[in-house]
N, C-alpha and C. Protein backbone atom coordinates (compact mmCIF):
# COMPACT_ATOMS: atom_id res chain seq x y z
N MET A 1 0.76 -1.24 0.08
CA MET A 1 -0.05 -0.03 0.22
C MET A 1 0.80 1.15 0.13
N HIS A 2 1.99 1.02 0.93
CA HIS A 2 2.92 2.12 0.85
C HIS A 2 3.62 2.59 -0.83
N ARG A 3 3.85 1.37 -1.09
CA ARG A 3 4.40 1.65 -2.39
C ARG A 3 3.03 2.29 -3.51
N LEU A 4 2.35 1.83 -3.05
CA LEU A 4 1.12 2.38 -4.34
C LEU A 4 0.55 3.32 -4.06
N ARG A 5 0.88 4.27 -2.86
CA ARG A 5 0.42 5.10 -2.20
C ARG A 5 1.93 6.40 -3.08
N GLN A 6 3.04 6.04 -2.94
CA GLN A 6 3.82 6.54 -3.67
C GLN A 6 3.76 6.68 -5.14
N LEU A 7 3.74 5.54 -5.68
CA LEU A 7 3.42 5.77 -7.09
C LEU A 7 2.11 6.56 -7.48
N ILE A 8 1.01 6.68 -7.05
CA ILE A 8 0.24 7.65 -7.44
C ILE A 8 0.81 9.04 -6.91
N GLY A 9 1.25 9.44 -5.58
CA GLY A 9 1.75 10.55 -5.18
C GLY A 9 0.70 11.16 -4.71
N ASN A 10 -0.24 10.38 -3.90
CA ASN A 10 -1.31 11.19 -2.83
C ASN A 10 -1.60 9.89 -1.90
N ASP A 11 -1.28 10.38 -0.70
CA ASP A 11 -1.33 9.08 0.34
C ASP A 11 -2.88 8.97 0.56
N GLU A 12 -3.69 9.71 0.19
CA GLU A 12 -5.13 9.94 0.97
C GLU A 12 -6.14 9.55 -0.54
N ALA A 13 -5.18 9.11 -1.75
CA ALA A 13 -5.88 8.42 -2.75
C ALA A 13 -6.06 7.25 -2.65
N VAL A 14 -5.77 6.46 -2.14
CA VAL A 14 -5.69 5.10 -2.05
C VAL A 14 -6.34 4.65 -0.57
N GLN A 15 -7.63 4.35 -0.61
CA GLN A 15 -8.36 3.65 0.70
C GLN A 15 -8.28 2.41 1.03
N VAL A 16 -8.87 1.84 2.66
CA VAL A 16 -9.19 0.45 2.72
C VAL A 16 -10.52 0.94 3.51
N VAL A 17 -11.65 0.40 2.60
CA VAL A 17 -12.59 0.60 3.50
C VAL A 17 -13.00 -0.96 3.76
N ASP A 18 -13.73 -1.51 5.15
CA ASP A 18 -14.01 -2.96 5.26
C ASP A 18 -13.13 -3.73 4.62
N GLY A 19 -11.50 -3.57 4.68
CA GLY A 19 -11.19 -4.55 4.09
C GLY A 19 -10.39 -4.71 2.95
N LYS A 20 -11.30 -3.73 2.03
CA LYS A 20 -10.89 -3.87 0.63
C LYS A 20 -10.31 -2.42 0.38
N VAL A 21 -9.32 -2.69 -0.76
CA VAL A 21 -8.45 -1.25 -1.08
C VAL A 21 -8.86 -1.01 -2.23
N SER A 22 -9.31 0.35 -2.17
CA SER A 22 -9.95 1.05 -3.42
C SER A 22 -9.49 2.34 -3.84
N LEU A 23 -9.43 2.97 -4.80
CA LEU A 23 -8.83 4.22 -5.10
C LEU A 23 -10.19 5.16 -4.95
N ASP A 24 -10.12 6.51 -4.09
CA ASP A 24 -10.84 7.39 -4.09
C ASP A 24 -11.28 8.34 -5.16
N ALA A 25 -12.34 8.26 -5.57
CA ALA A 25 -13.06 8.89 -6.65
C ALA A 25 -12.61 10.25 -6.57
N ARG A 26 -12.77 10.94 -5.61
CA ARG A 26 -12.44 12.40 -5.50
C ARG A 26 -10.88 12.69 -6.24
N ARG A 27 -10.16 11.85 -5.89
CA ARG A 27 -9.16 11.98 -6.23
C ARG A 27 -8.24 11.50 -7.15
N CYS A 28 -9.15 10.65 -7.71
CA CYS A 28 -8.41 9.46 -9.06
C CYS A 28 -9.29 8.95 -9.63
N TRP A 29 -9.12 9.26 -11.20
CA TRP A 29 -10.05 9.11 -12.42
C TRP A 29 -9.70 8.01 -12.90
N VAL A 30 -10.65 6.93 -12.79
CA VAL A 30 -10.51 5.73 -13.38
C VAL A 30 -11.56 5.62 -14.28
N ASP A 31 -11.19 4.81 -15.75
CA ASP A 31 -12.02 4.75 -16.92
C ASP A 31 -12.90 3.96 -16.77
N VAL A 32 -12.65 2.98 -15.51
CA VAL A 32 -13.95 1.99 -15.75
C VAL A 32 -15.11 2.66 -14.87
N ARG A 33 -14.88 3.13 -13.85
CA ARG A 33 -15.92 3.83 -13.06
C ARG A 33 -16.37 4.86 -14.00
N ALA A 34 -15.58 5.90 -14.74
CA ALA A 34 -16.14 6.60 -15.59
C ALA A 34 -17.20 6.10 -17.01
N PHE A 35 -17.00 5.07 -17.59
CA PHE A 35 -17.66 4.18 -18.15
C PHE A 35 -18.89 3.85 -17.65
N GLU A 36 -18.96 3.67 -16.62
CA GLU A 36 -20.11 2.94 -15.63
C GLU A 36 -21.19 3.85 -15.42
N HIS A 37 -20.60 4.93 -14.72
CA HIS A 37 -21.46 6.10 -14.47
C HIS A 37 -21.81 6.90 -15.56
N SER A 38 -21.14 7.06 -16.48
CA SER A 38 -21.85 7.51 -18.30
C SER A 38 -22.85 6.79 -17.99
N LEU A 39 -22.81 5.23 -18.61
CA LEU A 39 -23.62 4.65 -18.80
C LEU A 39 -25.09 4.77 -17.78
N GLU A 40 -24.94 4.70 -17.01
CA GLU A 40 -25.97 5.15 -15.66
C GLU A 40 -26.42 6.45 -15.49
N SER A 41 -25.67 7.22 -16.08
CA SER A 41 -26.34 8.68 -16.40
C SER A 41 -27.52 8.66 -17.55
N SER A 42 -27.21 7.62 -18.50
CA SER A 42 -27.60 7.48 -19.65
C SER A 42 -29.14 6.86 -19.58
N ASP A 43 -29.13 6.26 -18.29
CA ASP A 43 -30.03 5.31 -17.92
C ASP A 43 -30.72 4.21 -18.44
N LEU A 44 -29.03 3.56 -18.84
CA LEU A 44 -28.89 2.47 -20.13
C LEU A 44 -29.21 1.29 -19.14
N ASN A 45 -29.19 1.77 -17.65
CA ASN A 45 -29.25 -0.26 -16.91
C ASN A 45 -30.79 -0.09 -16.59
N GLY A 46 -31.36 1.23 -16.40
CA GLY A 46 -32.86 0.98 -15.99
C GLY A 46 -34.03 0.40 -17.12
N GLU A 47 -34.89 0.16 -16.63
CA GLU A 47 -35.98 -0.21 -17.53
C GLU A 47 -36.67 0.88 -18.25
N LYS A 48 -36.39 1.96 -18.17
CA LYS A 48 -37.01 3.04 -19.08
C LYS A 48 -35.97 3.46 -20.30
N LYS A 49 -34.89 2.62 -20.31
CA LYS A 49 -34.03 2.84 -21.16
C LYS A 49 -34.39 2.75 -23.01
N ARG A 50 -35.68 2.07 -23.00
CA ARG A 50 -35.75 1.89 -25.07
C ARG A 50 -36.97 3.09 -24.86
N SER A 51 -37.82 3.66 -24.26
CA SER A 51 -38.90 4.78 -24.35
C SER A 51 -37.83 5.85 -24.43
N ALA A 52 -36.98 6.03 -23.26
CA ALA A 52 -36.14 6.81 -23.10
C ALA A 52 -35.34 7.15 -24.44
N ILE A 53 -34.74 6.47 -24.91
CA ILE A 53 -34.41 6.82 -26.46
C ILE A 53 -35.10 6.96 -27.55
N ARG A 54 -36.27 6.43 -27.59
CA ARG A 54 -37.19 6.83 -28.81
C ARG A 54 -37.69 8.22 -28.48
N ASP A 55 -37.67 8.75 -26.85
CA ASP A 55 -38.34 10.29 -26.65
C ASP A 55 -37.30 10.94 -26.76
N GLN A 56 -35.80 10.77 -26.21
CA GLN A 56 -35.07 12.06 -26.56
C GLN A 56 -33.69 11.34 -27.24
N LYS A 57 -33.88 10.71 -28.29
CA LYS A 57 -32.89 10.14 -29.13
C LYS A 57 -31.95 10.79 -29.44
N SER A 58 -31.37 11.86 -29.74
CA SER A 58 -30.49 12.64 -29.99
C SER A 58 -29.29 12.68 -28.98
N GLU A 59 -30.19 13.33 -27.91
CA GLU A 59 -29.37 13.23 -26.35
C GLU A 59 -29.08 11.65 -25.93
N ILE A 60 -29.72 10.85 -26.05
CA ILE A 60 -29.09 9.86 -25.42
C ILE A 60 -28.21 8.99 -26.22
N THR A 61 -28.14 9.02 -27.71
CA THR A 61 -27.30 8.93 -28.31
C THR A 61 -25.55 9.66 -28.33
N LEU A 62 -26.09 11.12 -27.96
CA LEU A 62 -24.92 11.48 -27.49
C LEU A 62 -24.21 10.85 -26.44
N ARG A 63 -24.96 10.74 -25.41
CA ARG A 63 -24.46 10.31 -24.15
C ARG A 63 -23.57 8.76 -24.35
N LEU A 64 -24.69 7.60 -25.14
CA LEU A 64 -23.87 6.56 -25.63
C LEU A 64 -22.44 6.83 -26.33
N GLU A 65 -22.66 8.03 -27.42
CA GLU A 65 -21.22 7.83 -27.85
C GLU A 65 -20.23 8.50 -27.17
N ARG A 66 -20.60 9.13 -25.83
CA ARG A 66 -19.64 9.42 -25.22
C ARG A 66 -19.28 8.51 -24.15
N ALA A 67 -20.07 7.74 -24.00
CA ALA A 67 -19.96 6.56 -22.86
C ALA A 67 -18.86 5.56 -23.40
N LEU A 68 -19.64 5.04 -24.83
CA LEU A 68 -18.38 4.44 -25.50
C LEU A 68 -16.97 4.13 -25.91
N ARG A 69 -16.95 6.18 -26.19
CA ARG A 69 -15.49 6.37 -26.07
C ARG A 69 -14.95 6.01 -25.05
N LEU A 70 -15.26 5.77 -23.88
CA LEU A 70 -14.28 5.28 -22.73
C LEU A 70 -14.22 3.82 -22.54
N TYR A 71 -14.70 3.46 -23.36
CA TYR A 71 -14.36 1.94 -23.20
C TYR A 71 -13.57 1.40 -24.04
N ARG A 72 -12.01 1.22 -23.74
CA ARG A 72 -10.58 1.00 -24.66
C ARG A 72 -10.52 -0.46 -24.72
N GLY A 73 -11.24 -1.16 -24.26
CA GLY A 73 -10.69 -2.98 -24.54
C GLY A 73 -10.87 -3.71 -23.43
N HIS A 74 -11.05 -4.65 -23.36
CA HIS A 74 -10.92 -5.29 -22.61
C HIS A 74 -10.25 -5.07 -21.11
N PHE A 75 -11.06 -5.31 -20.26
CA PHE A 75 -10.25 -4.67 -18.63
C PHE A 75 -9.31 -5.96 -17.96
N LEU A 76 -8.46 -5.43 -17.88
CA LEU A 76 -7.06 -6.01 -17.17
C LEU A 76 -7.09 -7.58 -18.40
N SER A 77 -6.83 -7.31 -19.78
CA SER A 77 -6.87 -8.32 -20.47
C SER A 77 -5.64 -9.16 -19.89
N GLY A 78 -4.63 -8.75 -19.47
CA GLY A 78 -3.45 -9.73 -19.27
C GLY A 78 -3.83 -10.65 -17.58
N GLU A 79 -4.63 -10.61 -17.42
CA GLU A 79 -5.33 -11.05 -15.92
C GLU A 79 -6.23 -11.82 -15.61
N ASP A 80 -5.91 -13.08 -15.35
CA ASP A 80 -7.03 -13.96 -15.51
C ASP A 80 -7.53 -14.59 -14.00
N GLY A 81 -7.60 -14.03 -13.20
CA GLY A 81 -7.72 -14.36 -11.91
C GLY A 81 -9.46 -14.26 -12.04
N PRO A 82 -10.13 -14.90 -10.89
CA PRO A 82 -11.63 -15.22 -11.23
C PRO A 82 -12.39 -13.87 -11.07
N TRP A 83 -11.69 -13.00 -10.18
CA TRP A 83 -12.53 -11.63 -10.17
C TRP A 83 -11.99 -10.58 -11.42
N SER A 84 -10.96 -10.75 -12.01
CA SER A 84 -10.87 -9.86 -13.33
C SER A 84 -11.57 -10.49 -14.08
N VAL A 85 -11.57 -11.51 -14.39
CA VAL A 85 -12.48 -12.16 -15.51
C VAL A 85 -14.15 -11.78 -15.35
N SER A 86 -14.59 -11.87 -14.02
CA SER A 86 -16.03 -11.57 -13.99
C SER A 86 -16.17 -9.99 -14.24
N ALA A 87 -15.11 -9.07 -14.24
CA ALA A 87 -15.23 -7.99 -14.17
C ALA A 87 -15.33 -7.47 -15.56
N ARG A 88 -14.52 -8.51 -16.14
CA ARG A 88 -14.20 -8.22 -17.80
C ARG A 88 -15.57 -8.45 -18.60
N GLU A 89 -15.80 -9.55 -18.07
CA GLU A 89 -17.29 -9.90 -18.63
C GLU A 89 -18.41 -9.30 -18.54
N ARG A 90 -18.29 -8.55 -17.11
CA ARG A 90 -19.66 -7.52 -16.89
C ARG A 90 -19.60 -6.50 -17.85
N LEU A 91 -18.08 -6.17 -18.11
CA LEU A 91 -17.95 -4.57 -18.62
C LEU A 91 -18.40 -4.61 -20.16
N ARG A 92 -17.72 -5.67 -20.45
CA ARG A 92 -18.00 -6.07 -21.88
C ARG A 92 -19.21 -6.37 -22.38
N GLU A 93 -20.23 -6.94 -21.70
CA GLU A 93 -21.86 -6.87 -21.44
C GLU A 93 -22.38 -5.39 -21.40
N LYS A 94 -21.86 -4.97 -20.87
CA LYS A 94 -22.33 -3.12 -20.96
C LYS A 94 -22.16 -2.28 -21.97
N TYR A 95 -21.01 -2.75 -22.25
CA TYR A 95 -20.49 -2.25 -23.49
C TYR A 95 -21.17 -2.85 -24.98
N LEU A 96 -21.68 -4.07 -25.03
CA LEU A 96 -22.22 -4.70 -26.21
C LEU A 96 -23.84 -4.02 -26.20
N ARG A 97 -24.42 -4.28 -24.76
CA ARG A 97 -25.52 -3.43 -24.70
C ARG A 97 -26.02 -1.82 -25.31
N ALA A 98 -24.67 -1.06 -24.77
CA ALA A 98 -24.83 -0.06 -25.26
C ALA A 98 -24.64 -0.06 -26.71
N VAL A 99 -23.52 -0.34 -27.19
CA VAL A 99 -23.54 -0.57 -28.77
C VAL A 99 -25.04 -1.03 -29.37
N ILE A 100 -25.57 -1.93 -29.17
CA ILE A 100 -26.76 -2.34 -29.81
C ILE A 100 -27.59 -0.99 -29.70
N MET A 101 -27.99 -0.53 -28.25
CA MET A 101 -28.96 0.49 -28.01
C MET A 101 -28.07 1.64 -29.17
N LEU A 102 -27.22 2.04 -29.20
CA LEU A 102 -26.77 2.73 -29.90
C LEU A 102 -27.03 2.87 -31.48
N GLY A 103 -26.52 1.84 -31.77
CA GLY A 103 -26.87 1.21 -33.24
C GLY A 103 -28.84 1.53 -33.49
N GLU A 104 -29.39 0.85 -32.83
CA GLU A 104 -30.93 1.00 -32.52
C GLU A 104 -31.33 2.53 -32.78
N ALA A 105 -31.00 3.26 -31.91
CA ALA A 105 -31.00 4.71 -32.01
C ALA A 105 -30.60 5.06 -33.51
N ARG A 106 -29.49 4.59 -34.07
CA ARG A 106 -28.93 5.29 -35.36
C ARG A 106 -30.34 4.64 -36.76
N GLU A 107 -30.42 3.24 -36.64
CA GLU A 107 -31.22 2.73 -37.18
C GLU A 107 -32.76 3.48 -37.43
N ARG A 108 -33.20 4.12 -35.90
CA ARG A 108 -34.70 4.55 -36.00
C ARG A 108 -34.53 5.78 -36.84
N GLU A 109 -33.12 6.82 -36.68
CA GLU A 109 -33.31 7.65 -37.56
C GLU A 109 -32.48 7.40 -38.81
N ARG A 110 -32.55 6.42 -39.32
CA ARG A 110 -32.21 5.82 -40.52
C ARG A 110 -31.02 6.12 -41.02
N ASP A 111 -29.92 6.50 -40.30
CA ASP A 111 -28.71 6.61 -40.55
C ASP A 111 -27.90 4.91 -40.27
N PHE A 112 -28.31 4.41 -41.43
CA PHE A 112 -27.87 2.50 -41.34
C PHE A 112 -26.16 2.83 -41.55
N LYS A 113 -25.22 3.71 -42.05
CA LYS A 113 -24.34 3.81 -42.27
C LYS A 113 -23.24 3.96 -40.85
N ALA A 114 -24.29 4.61 -39.98
CA ALA A 114 -23.76 5.28 -38.78
C ALA A 114 -23.78 3.87 -37.93
N ALA A 115 -24.72 3.14 -37.68
CA ALA A 115 -25.34 1.77 -37.32
C ALA A 115 -24.48 0.92 -37.36
N ILE A 116 -23.81 0.73 -39.06
CA ILE A 116 -23.28 -0.29 -39.69
C ILE A 116 -21.55 -0.35 -38.72
N ALA A 117 -21.42 1.15 -38.39
CA ALA A 117 -19.82 1.40 -38.22
C ALA A 117 -20.04 1.23 -36.77
N SER A 118 -21.08 1.42 -36.10
CA SER A 118 -21.31 0.77 -34.38
C SER A 118 -21.32 -0.37 -33.94
N TYR A 119 -21.86 -1.36 -35.33
CA TYR A 119 -21.66 -2.66 -34.76
C TYR A 119 -20.48 -3.66 -35.62
N GLU A 120 -19.84 -2.78 -36.63
CA GLU A 120 -18.76 -3.30 -37.01
C GLU A 120 -17.19 -3.41 -35.87
N GLN A 121 -17.65 -1.91 -34.89
CA GLN A 121 -16.64 -1.34 -33.88
C GLN A 121 -16.49 -2.62 -32.87
N ALA A 122 -18.02 -2.96 -32.71
CA ALA A 122 -18.61 -3.79 -31.35
C ALA A 122 -17.68 -4.90 -31.77
N LEU A 123 -18.26 -5.56 -33.12
CA LEU A 123 -17.43 -6.95 -32.95
C LEU A 123 -15.90 -7.14 -33.10
N ASP A 124 -15.10 -6.03 -33.30
CA ASP A 124 -13.72 -5.59 -32.79
C ASP A 124 -13.47 -6.19 -31.59
N VAL A 125 -14.46 -5.95 -30.69
CA VAL A 125 -14.56 -6.43 -28.94
C VAL A 125 -14.92 -7.78 -28.69
N ASP A 126 -16.28 -8.19 -29.59
CA ASP A 126 -16.54 -9.65 -29.43
C ASP A 126 -16.80 -9.84 -30.67
N ASP A 127 -16.29 -10.65 -31.26
CA ASP A 127 -17.13 -11.14 -32.91
C ASP A 127 -17.80 -12.64 -32.58
N LEU A 128 -17.94 -12.93 -31.56
CA LEU A 128 -18.80 -14.00 -31.10
C LEU A 128 -20.40 -13.36 -30.87
N ALA A 129 -20.52 -12.24 -30.96
CA ALA A 129 -21.52 -11.77 -30.22
C ALA A 129 -22.84 -11.84 -31.91
N GLU A 130 -23.74 -12.61 -31.38
CA GLU A 130 -24.43 -13.28 -32.92
C GLU A 130 -25.36 -11.99 -33.15
N GLU A 131 -25.66 -11.15 -32.17
CA GLU A 131 -26.61 -10.42 -32.54
C GLU A 131 -26.23 -9.40 -33.14
N LEU A 132 -25.17 -8.63 -33.26
CA LEU A 132 -24.42 -7.68 -33.88
C LEU A 132 -24.27 -8.18 -35.22
N TYR A 133 -23.91 -9.24 -35.67
CA TYR A 133 -24.29 -9.61 -37.27
C TYR A 133 -25.25 -9.71 -38.02
N ARG A 134 -26.25 -10.16 -37.15
CA ARG A 134 -28.08 -9.98 -37.13
C ARG A 134 -28.26 -8.41 -37.37
N ARG A 135 -27.62 -7.54 -36.94
CA ARG A 135 -28.30 -6.13 -36.94
C ARG A 135 -27.25 -5.35 -38.32
N LEU A 136 -25.92 -6.33 -38.30
CA LEU A 136 -25.16 -5.48 -39.38
C LEU A 136 -25.70 -6.14 -40.67
N MET A 137 -26.87 -7.45 -40.77
CA MET A 137 -27.01 -7.81 -41.83
C MET A 137 -28.40 -7.26 -42.07
N ALA A 138 -28.93 -7.03 -41.59
CA ALA A 138 -30.33 -5.79 -41.64
C ALA A 138 -30.04 -4.52 -42.01
N CYS A 139 -29.04 -3.86 -41.41
CA CYS A 139 -28.40 -2.32 -42.06
C CYS A 139 -28.45 -2.56 -43.50
N HIS A 140 -27.70 -3.57 -43.56
CA HIS A 140 -27.15 -3.56 -45.08
C HIS A 140 -28.02 -4.13 -46.05
N GLN A 141 -29.17 -4.80 -45.64
CA GLN A 141 -30.02 -5.60 -46.40
C GLN A 141 -31.26 -3.86 -46.56
N LYS A 142 -31.16 -2.93 -45.86
CA LYS A 142 -31.99 -1.46 -45.93
C LYS A 142 -31.28 -0.53 -47.00
N LEU A 143 -29.90 -0.77 -47.02
CA LEU A 143 -29.22 -0.15 -47.77
C LEU A 143 -28.93 -1.02 -49.24
N ARG A 144 -29.73 -1.86 -49.21
CA ARG A 144 -29.70 -2.48 -50.77
C ARG A 144 -28.69 -3.22 -50.98
N ARG A 145 -27.42 -3.57 -49.82
CA ARG A 145 -26.00 -3.81 -50.11
C ARG A 145 -25.77 -5.30 -49.91
N LYS A 146 -26.87 -6.33 -50.78
CA LYS A 146 -27.02 -7.62 -50.66
C LYS A 146 -25.75 -8.40 -50.26
N SER A 147 -24.62 -8.14 -51.08
CA SER A 147 -23.36 -8.67 -51.02
C SER A 147 -22.68 -8.54 -49.66
N GLU A 148 -22.76 -7.19 -49.12
CA GLU A 148 -22.45 -6.78 -47.58
C GLU A 148 -23.19 -7.52 -46.73
N ALA A 149 -24.66 -7.90 -47.05
CA ALA A 149 -25.16 -8.28 -45.93
C ALA A 149 -24.63 -10.24 -46.11
N VAL A 150 -25.05 -11.01 -46.87
CA VAL A 150 -24.02 -12.10 -46.95
C VAL A 150 -22.74 -12.49 -46.27
N LYS A 151 -22.07 -11.35 -46.99
CA LYS A 151 -20.86 -11.59 -46.24
C LYS A 151 -20.72 -11.44 -44.49
N ALA A 152 -21.43 -10.31 -44.40
CA ALA A 152 -21.84 -10.52 -42.58
C ALA A 152 -22.14 -11.90 -41.99
N TYR A 153 -23.17 -12.46 -42.65
CA TYR A 153 -23.70 -13.64 -42.52
C TYR A 153 -22.33 -14.86 -42.47
N GLU A 154 -21.66 -14.83 -43.45
CA GLU A 154 -20.76 -15.78 -44.03
C GLU A 154 -19.44 -15.51 -42.80
N ARG A 155 -19.38 -14.64 -42.38
CA ARG A 155 -18.35 -14.15 -41.21
C ARG A 155 -18.94 -14.43 -39.85
N CYS A 156 -20.02 -14.26 -39.91
CA CYS A 156 -20.73 -14.68 -38.59
C CYS A 156 -20.67 -15.93 -38.75
N ARG A 157 -21.10 -17.04 -39.60
CA ARG A 157 -20.93 -18.30 -39.28
C ARG A 157 -19.56 -18.73 -39.49
N ARG A 158 -18.83 -18.71 -40.01
CA ARG A 158 -17.25 -18.72 -39.79
C ARG A 158 -16.79 -18.65 -38.38
N THR A 159 -16.69 -17.50 -37.99
CA THR A 159 -16.70 -17.12 -36.52
C THR A 159 -17.06 -18.11 -35.36
N LEU A 160 -18.25 -18.39 -35.34
CA LEU A 160 -19.00 -19.14 -34.33
C LEU A 160 -18.64 -20.55 -34.48
N ALA A 161 -18.39 -20.91 -35.64
CA ALA A 161 -17.87 -22.39 -35.70
C ALA A 161 -16.63 -22.64 -35.56
N ALA A 162 -15.82 -21.40 -35.81
CA ALA A 162 -14.33 -21.96 -35.06
C ALA A 162 -14.27 -21.32 -33.82
N GLY A 163 -14.77 -20.29 -33.20
CA GLY A 163 -15.05 -19.89 -31.98
C GLY A 163 -15.22 -20.63 -30.74
N LEU A 164 -16.65 -21.34 -31.36
CA LEU A 164 -17.84 -21.98 -30.22
C LEU A 164 -17.96 -23.48 -31.19
N CYS A 165 -17.79 -23.94 -32.23
CA CYS A 165 -18.30 -25.02 -32.75
C CYS A 165 -19.95 -24.88 -32.96
N VAL A 166 -20.67 -23.89 -33.05
CA VAL A 166 -21.75 -23.86 -33.23
C VAL A 166 -22.22 -23.46 -34.68
N GLU A 167 -23.09 -23.52 -34.98
CA GLU A 167 -24.01 -23.04 -36.15
C GLU A 167 -24.75 -21.85 -35.83
N PRO A 168 -24.93 -20.80 -36.60
CA PRO A 168 -25.91 -19.61 -36.10
C PRO A 168 -27.01 -20.08 -35.92
N SER A 169 -28.00 -19.40 -35.23
CA SER A 169 -29.21 -19.64 -34.39
C SER A 169 -30.11 -19.63 -35.71
N GLU A 170 -31.17 -19.94 -35.19
CA GLU A 170 -32.31 -20.00 -36.30
C GLU A 170 -32.86 -18.52 -36.76
N GLU A 171 -32.71 -18.08 -35.36
CA GLU A 171 -32.98 -16.11 -36.29
C GLU A 171 -32.10 -16.01 -37.08
N THR A 172 -30.99 -16.05 -36.91
CA THR A 172 -29.59 -15.46 -37.77
C THR A 172 -29.80 -16.12 -39.24
N GLU A 173 -30.37 -17.44 -38.95
CA GLU A 173 -30.68 -18.50 -40.44
C GLU A 173 -31.56 -17.71 -40.90
N ALA A 174 -32.63 -17.35 -40.50
CA ALA A 174 -33.90 -16.76 -41.03
C ALA A 174 -33.68 -15.36 -41.76
N LEU A 175 -33.38 -14.96 -41.46
CA LEU A 175 -32.68 -13.25 -41.79
C LEU A 175 -31.25 -13.83 -42.99
N TYR A 176 -31.02 -14.44 -43.20
CA TYR A 176 -30.08 -15.31 -44.03
C TYR A 176 -31.20 -15.77 -45.22
N ARG A 177 -31.99 -16.45 -44.62
CA ARG A 177 -32.88 -16.80 -45.81
C ARG A 177 -33.67 -15.66 -46.62
N SER A 178 -34.34 -14.94 -45.77
CA SER A 178 -35.15 -13.31 -46.57
C SER A 178 -33.87 -12.52 -46.99
N LEU A 179 -32.76 -12.88 -46.80
CA LEU A 179 -31.87 -12.04 -47.92
C LEU A 179 -31.83 -12.92 -49.07
N MET A 180 -31.66 -14.03 -49.08
CA MET A 180 -31.47 -14.56 -50.09
C MET A 180 -32.63 -14.84 -51.39
N ARG A 181 -34.34 -14.13 -50.99
CA ARG A 181 -35.09 -14.23 -51.20
C ARG A 181 -35.38 -13.44 -52.34
N LYS A 182 -34.53 -12.21 -51.86
CA LYS A 182 -34.90 -11.22 -52.33
C LYS A 182 -33.68 -10.49 -53.55
């Protein structure tokens, strides 16, 4: 603790409360804390989130974009302890939910190119998130880019097979079939 306080340069920045060591939020900015706070202030974790986005789409879109800029990749990616894996997965899920909400808002605004960019960026974080591929396929379909939609499906199929040894869900297959009929 002494060394950590020296590294930070402020003895009061490191706190011990109920036997747990933490950084004082008044003295240290932490990206994870800022990310979660930004999502909470956007009301993304509450039940009102979908209606809030419909009612205040541009405000929520801006808040989501701001929150997502704070996510810089997997939390402590070099650590594999149970607590770090759990925190990493929790933050990744929050990030993916926020990306999907932002993409949905952009789709409602009929800005399919921006939605595609959001989904593609999120696939860089988690290429096994099948819902992102479906949304990507649907956006390409709305832009009448059948070949891009089919490429997204093929990428999904190959990635799921390689990463999880599974086939795409029936929902994804149905969307692909509807693409091929048009």
